[in-house]
């Protein structure tokens, strides 16, 4: 049921998703869904939080035992691979899109803070480098969500280029103060 609900929310967002459609596809009743998750929003929050956690957990695991730019490179490779999970990616973006709701905003802020801490703690790098890394990640999220792999124009080819180790070596607090 969670996988079905994740796809429904990823495709339609908090307000457009149908619990009736989720229940029907899962072969259960709406009442059972609401028994497990008291509200539609509670189910959405669970799924959005888990979507962010999959990225943070994957990056932390990838960087295990590494530090500095080496850890960042390992995290970047893991992050890039995670973009193939379109449902998880779209759930994150739906979380941002529903950020006008204070409960959603709080969950997304908390998970974004966890992602920040995962990168900062594992790498030991300065805030400007962490910010640059996560900013590249957000661009990659948007590019993946838009299926830019299907576009052959020069801008699309440019945003598809892989980020290689060493890119962040020059981005530091000292060079950006």
C-alpha atoms as a PDB file:
ATOM      1  CA  UNK A   1       0.000   0.000   0.000  1.00  0.00           C
ATOM      2  CA  UNK A   2       2.859   2.403   0.785  1.00  0.00           C
ATOM      3  CA  UNK A   3       4.383   1.946  -2.659  1.00  0.00           C
ATOM      4  CA  UNK A   4       1.044   2.598  -4.311  1.00  0.00           C
ATOM      5  CA  UNK A   5       0.447   5.651  -2.132  1.00  0.00           C
ATOM      6  CA  UNK A   6       3.969   6.922  -2.851  1.00  0.00           C
ATOM      7  CA  UNK A   7       3.320   6.787  -6.603  1.00  0.00           C
ATOM      8  CA  UNK A   8      -0.077   8.465  -6.194  1.00  0.00           C
ATOM      9  CA  UNK A   9       1.343  11.347  -4.135  1.00  0.00           C
ATOM     10  CA  UNK A  10       4.418  11.636  -6.365  1.00  0.00           C
ATOM     11  CA  UNK A  11       2.200  12.008  -9.420  1.00  0.00           C
ATOM     12  CA  UNK A  12      -0.579  14.161  -7.937  1.00  0.00           C
ATOM     13  CA  UNK A  13       0.714  15.898  -4.808  1.00  0.00           C
ATOM     14  CA  UNK A  14      -0.897  16.280  -1.418  1.00  0.00           C
ATOM     15  CA  UNK A  15      -4.140  17.793  -2.614  1.00  0.00           C
ATOM     16  CA  UNK A  16      -4.534  15.960  -5.907  1.00  0.00           C
ATOM     17  CA  UNK A  17      -3.814  12.435  -4.680  1.00  0.00           C
ATOM     18  CA  UNK A  18      -6.760  10.114  -4.139  1.00  0.00           C
ATOM     19  CA  UNK A  19      -6.861   7.801  -1.135  1.00  0.00           C
ATOM     20  CA  UNK A  20      -9.738   6.043  -2.880  1.00  0.00           C
ATOM     21  CA  UNK A  21      -7.437   5.251  -5.831  1.00  0.00           C
ATOM     22  CA  UNK A  22      -4.702   4.026  -3.459  1.00  0.00           C
ATOM     23  CA  UNK A  23      -7.103   1.774  -1.562  1.00  0.00           C
ATOM     24  CA  UNK A  24      -8.658   0.384  -4.749  1.00  0.00           C
ATOM     25  CA  UNK A  25      -5.254  -0.470  -6.305  1.00  0.00           C
ATOM     26  CA  UNK A  26      -4.030  -1.961  -3.011  1.00  0.00           C
ATOM     27  CA  UNK A  27      -7.182  -4.053  -2.641  1.00  0.00           C
ATOM     28  CA  UNK A  28      -8.084  -2.545   0.725  1.00  0.00           C
ATOM     29  CA  UNK A  29     -10.695  -0.106   1.963  1.00  0.00           C
ATOM     30  CA  UNK A  30     -10.237   3.618   2.450  1.00  0.00           C
ATOM     31  CA  UNK A  31     -11.217   3.070   6.067  1.00  0.00           C
ATOM     32  CA  UNK A  32      -8.235   0.732   6.499  1.00  0.00           C
ATOM     33  CA  UNK A  33      -5.882   3.350   5.040  1.00  0.00           C
ATOM     34  CA  UNK A  34      -7.268   5.920   7.467  1.00  0.00           C
ATOM     35  CA  UNK A  35      -6.967   3.453  10.341  1.00  0.00           C
ATOM     36  CA  UNK A  36      -3.237   3.152   9.609  1.00  0.00           C
ATOM     37  CA  UNK A  37      -2.719   6.869   8.867  1.00  0.00           C
ATOM     38  CA  UNK A  38      -5.323   9.045  10.521  1.00  0.00           C
ATOM     39  CA  UNK A  39      -5.337  11.571   7.672  1.00  0.00           C
ATOM     40  CA  UNK A  40      -4.317  11.875   4.053  1.00  0.00           C
ATOM     41  CA  UNK A  41      -1.763  14.477   5.123  1.00  0.00           C
ATOM     42  CA  UNK A  42      -0.260  12.116   7.717  1.00  0.00           C
ATOM     43  CA  UNK A  43       0.320   9.515   4.997  1.00  0.00           C
ATOM     44  CA  UNK A  44       1.825  12.182   2.722  1.00  0.00           C
ATOM     45  CA  UNK A  45       4.148  13.384   5.497  1.00  0.00           C
ATOM     46  CA  UNK A  46       5.309   9.831   6.192  1.00  0.00           C
ATOM     47  CA  UNK A  47       6.103   9.238   2.545  1.00  0.00           C
ATOM     48  CA  UNK A  48       7.799  12.595   1.952  1.00  0.00           C
ATOM     49  CA  UNK A  49       9.934  12.169   5.076  1.00  0.00           C
ATOM     50  CA  UNK A  50      10.959   8.696   3.969  1.00  0.00           C
ATOM     51  CA  UNK A  51      11.842  10.014   0.495  1.00  0.00           C
ATOM     52  CA  UNK A  52      14.278  12.528   1.974  1.00  0.00           C
ATOM     53  CA  UNK A  53      15.646   9.924   4.372  1.00  0.00           C
ATOM     54  CA  UNK A  54      16.461   7.536   1.513  1.00  0.00           C
ATOM     55  CA  UNK A  55      18.744  10.177  -0.011  1.00  0.00           C
ATOM     56  CA  UNK A  56      20.367  11.104   3.331  1.00  0.00           C
ATOM     57  CA  UNK A  57      20.815   7.484   4.405  1.00  0.00           C
ATOM     58  CA  UNK A  58      22.278   6.543   1.035  1.00  0.00           C
ATOM     59  CA  UNK A  59      24.773   9.402   1.115  1.00  0.00           C
ATOM     60  CA  UNK A  60      25.799   8.638   4.701  1.00  0.00           C
ATOM     61  CA  UNK A  61      26.345   4.997   3.849  1.00  0.00           C
ATOM     62  CA  UNK A  62      28.303   5.852   0.690  1.00  0.00           C
ATOM     63  CA  UNK A  63      30.659   8.177   2.577  1.00  0.00           C
ATOM     64  CA  UNK A  64      31.196   5.845   5.519  1.00  0.00           C
ATOM     65  CA  UNK A  65      34.845   6.001   6.538  1.00  0.00           C
ATOM     66  CA  UNK A  66      35.744   8.828   4.145  1.00  0.00           C
ATOM     67  CA  UNK A  67      36.225  12.518   4.892  1.00  0.00           C
ATOM     68  CA  UNK A  68      36.465  15.834   3.111  1.00  0.00           C
ATOM     69  CA  UNK A  69      36.190  16.016  -0.646  1.00  0.00           C
ATOM     70  CA  UNK A  70      36.586  12.244  -0.968  1.00  0.00           C
ATOM     71  CA  UNK A  71      33.448  11.752   1.128  1.00  0.00           C
ATOM     72  CA  UNK A  72      31.694  14.421  -0.925  1.00  0.00           C
ATOM     73  CA  UNK A  73      32.585  12.625  -4.167  1.00  0.00           C
ATOM     74  CA  UNK A  74      31.207   9.354  -2.809  1.00  0.00           C
ATOM     75  CA  UNK A  75      28.040  11.124  -1.672  1.00  0.00           C
ATOM     76  CA  UNK A  76      27.691  12.783  -5.060  1.00  0.00           C
ATOM     77  CA  UNK A  77      27.904   9.473  -6.881  1.00  0.00           C
ATOM     78  CA  UNK A  78      25.288   7.970  -4.558  1.00  0.00           C
ATOM     79  CA  UNK A  79      23.050  11.026  -4.938  1.00  0.00           C
ATOM     80  CA  UNK A  80      23.293  10.810  -8.715  1.00  0.00           C
ATOM     81  CA  UNK A  81      22.359   7.109  -8.633  1.00  0.00           C
ATOM     82  CA  UNK A  82      19.414   7.893  -6.314  1.00  0.00           C
ATOM     83  CA  UNK A  83      17.907  10.150  -8.963  1.00  0.00           C
ATOM     84  CA  UNK A  84      16.866   7.035 -10.888  1.00  0.00           C
ATOM     85  CA  UNK A  85      14.178   6.440  -8.227  1.00  0.00           C
ATOM     86  CA  UNK A  86      11.639   8.757  -9.817  1.00  0.00           C
ATOM     87  CA  UNK A  87       8.941   8.218  -7.185  1.00  0.00           C
ATOM     88  CA  UNK A  88      11.274   9.193  -4.344  1.00  0.00           C
ATOM     89  CA  UNK A  89      12.494  12.195  -6.285  1.00  0.00           C
ATOM     90  CA  UNK A  90       8.983  13.413  -7.093  1.00  0.00           C
ATOM     91  CA  UNK A  91       7.865  12.914  -3.495  1.00  0.00           C
ATOM     92  CA  UNK A  92      10.626  15.269  -2.375  1.00  0.00           C
ATOM     93  CA  UNK A  93       9.564  17.852  -4.928  1.00  0.00           C
ATOM     94  CA  UNK A  94       5.901  17.455  -3.913  1.00  0.00           C
ATOM     95  CA  UNK A  95       7.010  18.130  -0.338  1.00  0.00           C
ATOM     96  CA  UNK A  96       8.550  21.427  -1.430  1.00  0.00           C
ATOM     97  CA  UNK A  97       5.480  22.237  -3.523  1.00  0.00           C
ATOM     98  CA  UNK A  98       3.176  21.734  -0.518  1.00  0.00           C
ATOM     99  CA  UNK A  99       5.415  23.873   1.693  1.00  0.00           C
ATOM    100  CA  UNK A 100       2.638  26.429   2.110  1.00  0.00           C
ATOM    101  CA  UNK A 101       1.178  24.048   4.687  1.00  0.00           C
ATOM    102  CA  UNK A 102       2.986  24.533   7.998  1.00  0.00           C
ATOM    103  CA  UNK A 103       3.047  20.820   8.891  1.00  0.00           C
ATOM    104  CA  UNK A 104       4.499  19.903   5.516  1.00  0.00           C
ATOM    105  CA  UNK A 105       6.984  22.772   5.741  1.00  0.00           C
ATOM    106  CA  UNK A 106       8.147  21.566   9.167  1.00  0.00           C
ATOM    107  CA  UNK A 107       8.720  17.996   7.928  1.00  0.00           C
ATOM    108  CA  UNK A 108      10.568  19.152   4.816  1.00  0.00           C
ATOM    109  CA  UNK A 109      12.693  21.598   6.843  1.00  0.00           C
ATOM    110  CA  UNK A 110      13.590  18.851   9.297  1.00  0.00           C
ATOM    111  CA  UNK A 111      14.554  16.448   6.513  1.00  0.00           C
ATOM    112  CA  UNK A 112      16.501  19.101   4.620  1.00  0.00           C
ATOM    113  CA  UNK A 113      18.345  19.894   7.867  1.00  0.00           C
ATOM    114  CA  UNK A 114      19.124  16.191   8.237  1.00  0.00           C
ATOM    115  CA  UNK A 115      20.458  16.101   4.681  1.00  0.00           C
ATOM    116  CA  UNK A 116      22.616  19.164   5.420  1.00  0.00           C
ATOM    117  CA  UNK A 117      23.927  17.594   8.625  1.00  0.00           C
ATOM    118  CA  UNK A 118      24.625  14.308   6.835  1.00  0.00           C
ATOM    119  CA  UNK A 119      26.823  16.084   4.290  1.00  0.00           C
ATOM    120  CA  UNK A 120      28.447  18.494   6.764  1.00  0.00           C
ATOM    121  CA  UNK A 121      29.166  15.859   9.423  1.00  0.00           C
ATOM    122  CA  UNK A 122      30.503  13.217   7.045  1.00  0.00           C
ATOM    123  CA  UNK A 123      32.722  15.588   5.095  1.00  0.00           C
ATOM    124  CA  UNK A 124      33.760  18.147   7.712  1.00  0.00           C
ATOM    125  CA  UNK A 125      33.644  20.756   4.948  1.00  0.00           C
ATOM    126  CA  UNK A 126      32.655  24.393   5.339  1.00  0.00           C
ATOM    127  CA  UNK A 127      29.066  25.628   4.879  1.00  0.00           C
ATOM    128  CA  UNK A 128      29.704  27.206   1.469  1.00  0.00           C
ATOM    129  CA  UNK A 129      30.914  23.883   0.045  1.00  0.00           C
ATOM    130  CA  UNK A 130      28.006  21.983   1.612  1.00  0.00           C
ATOM    131  CA  UNK A 131      25.583  24.569   0.239  1.00  0.00           C
ATOM    132  CA  UNK A 132      27.117  24.344  -3.248  1.00  0.00           C
ATOM    133  CA  UNK A 133      26.923  20.549  -3.195  1.00  0.00           C
ATOM    134  CA  UNK A 134      23.268  20.557  -2.138  1.00  0.00           C
ATOM    135  CA  UNK A 135      22.443  23.287  -4.671  1.00  0.00           C
ATOM    136  CA  UNK A 136      23.857  21.101  -7.443  1.00  0.00           C
ATOM    137  CA  UNK A 137      21.732  18.282  -6.046  1.00  0.00           C
ATOM    138  CA  UNK A 138      18.570  20.385  -6.262  1.00  0.00           C
ATOM    139  CA  UNK A 139      19.360  21.198  -9.893  1.00  0.00           C
ATOM    140  CA  UNK A 140      19.851  17.495 -10.580  1.00  0.00           C
ATOM    141  CA  UNK A 141      16.496  16.762  -8.890  1.00  0.00           C
ATOM    142  CA  UNK A 142      14.712  19.179 -11.185  1.00  0.00           C
ATOM    143  CA  UNK A 143      16.494  17.909 -14.285  1.00  0.00           C
ATOM    144  CA  UNK A 144      15.596  14.309 -13.426  1.00  0.00           C
ATOM    145  CA  UNK A 145      11.973  15.221 -12.662  1.00  0.00           C
ATOM    146  CA  UNK A 146      11.682  16.874 -16.066  1.00  0.00           C
ATOM    147  CA  UNK A 147      13.063  13.789 -17.873  1.00  0.00           C
ATOM    148  CA  UNK A 148      15.741  15.942 -19.466  1.00  0.00           C
ATOM    149  CA  UNK A 149      17.390  12.741 -20.722  1.00  0.00           C
ATOM    150  CA  UNK A 150      14.747  12.847 -23.453  1.00  0.00           C
ATOM    151  CA  UNK A 151      15.751  16.363 -24.595  1.00  0.00           C
ATOM    152  CA  UNK A 152      18.531  16.785 -27.176  1.00  0.00           C
ATOM    153  CA  UNK A 153      18.987  20.563 -26.994  1.00  0.00           C
ATOM    154  CA  UNK A 154      22.345  22.041 -25.891  1.00  0.00           C
ATOM    155  CA  UNK A 155      21.036  23.298 -22.523  1.00  0.00           C
ATOM    156  CA  UNK A 156      19.797  19.802 -21.684  1.00  0.00           C
ATOM    157  CA  UNK A 157      23.131  18.274 -22.633  1.00  0.00           C
ATOM    158  CA  UNK A 158      24.820  20.829 -20.388  1.00  0.00           C
ATOM    159  CA  UNK A 159      22.727  20.065 -17.310  1.00  0.00           C
ATOM    160  CA  UNK A 160      23.225  16.328 -17.817  1.00  0.00           C
ATOM    161  CA  UNK A 161      27.003  16.526 -17.492  1.00  0.00           C
ATOM    162  CA  UNK A 162      28.392  14.530 -14.573  1.00  0.00           C
ATOM    163  CA  UNK A 163      30.019  16.350 -11.688  1.00  0.00           C
ATOM    164  CA  UNK A 164      33.489  14.932 -11.159  1.00  0.00           C
ATOM    165  CA  UNK A 165      35.598  14.854  -8.027  1.00  0.00           C
ATOM    166  CA  UNK A 166      37.497  18.086  -7.629  1.00  0.00           C
ATOM    167  CA  UNK A 167      34.685  20.415  -8.663  1.00  0.00           C
ATOM    168  CA  UNK A 168      34.172  21.654  -5.122  1.00  0.00           C
ATOM    169  CA  UNK A 169      37.865  22.147  -4.273  1.00  0.00           C
ATOM    170  CA  UNK A 170      37.745  25.849  -5.134  1.00  0.00           C
ATOM    171  CA  UNK A 171      34.408  26.529  -3.427  1.00  0.00           C
ATOM    172  CA  UNK A 172      35.198  27.445   0.153  1.00  0.00           C
ATOM    173  CA  UNK A 173      34.250  30.068   2.682  1.00  0.00           C
ATOM    174  CA  UNK A 174      37.590  31.795   2.022  1.00  0.00           C
ATOM    175  CA  UNK A 175      36.946  32.132  -1.721  1.00  0.00           C
ATOM    176  CA  UNK A 176      33.358  33.300  -1.161  1.00  0.00           C
ATOM    177  CA  UNK A 177      33.652  35.785   1.694  1.00  0.00           C
END
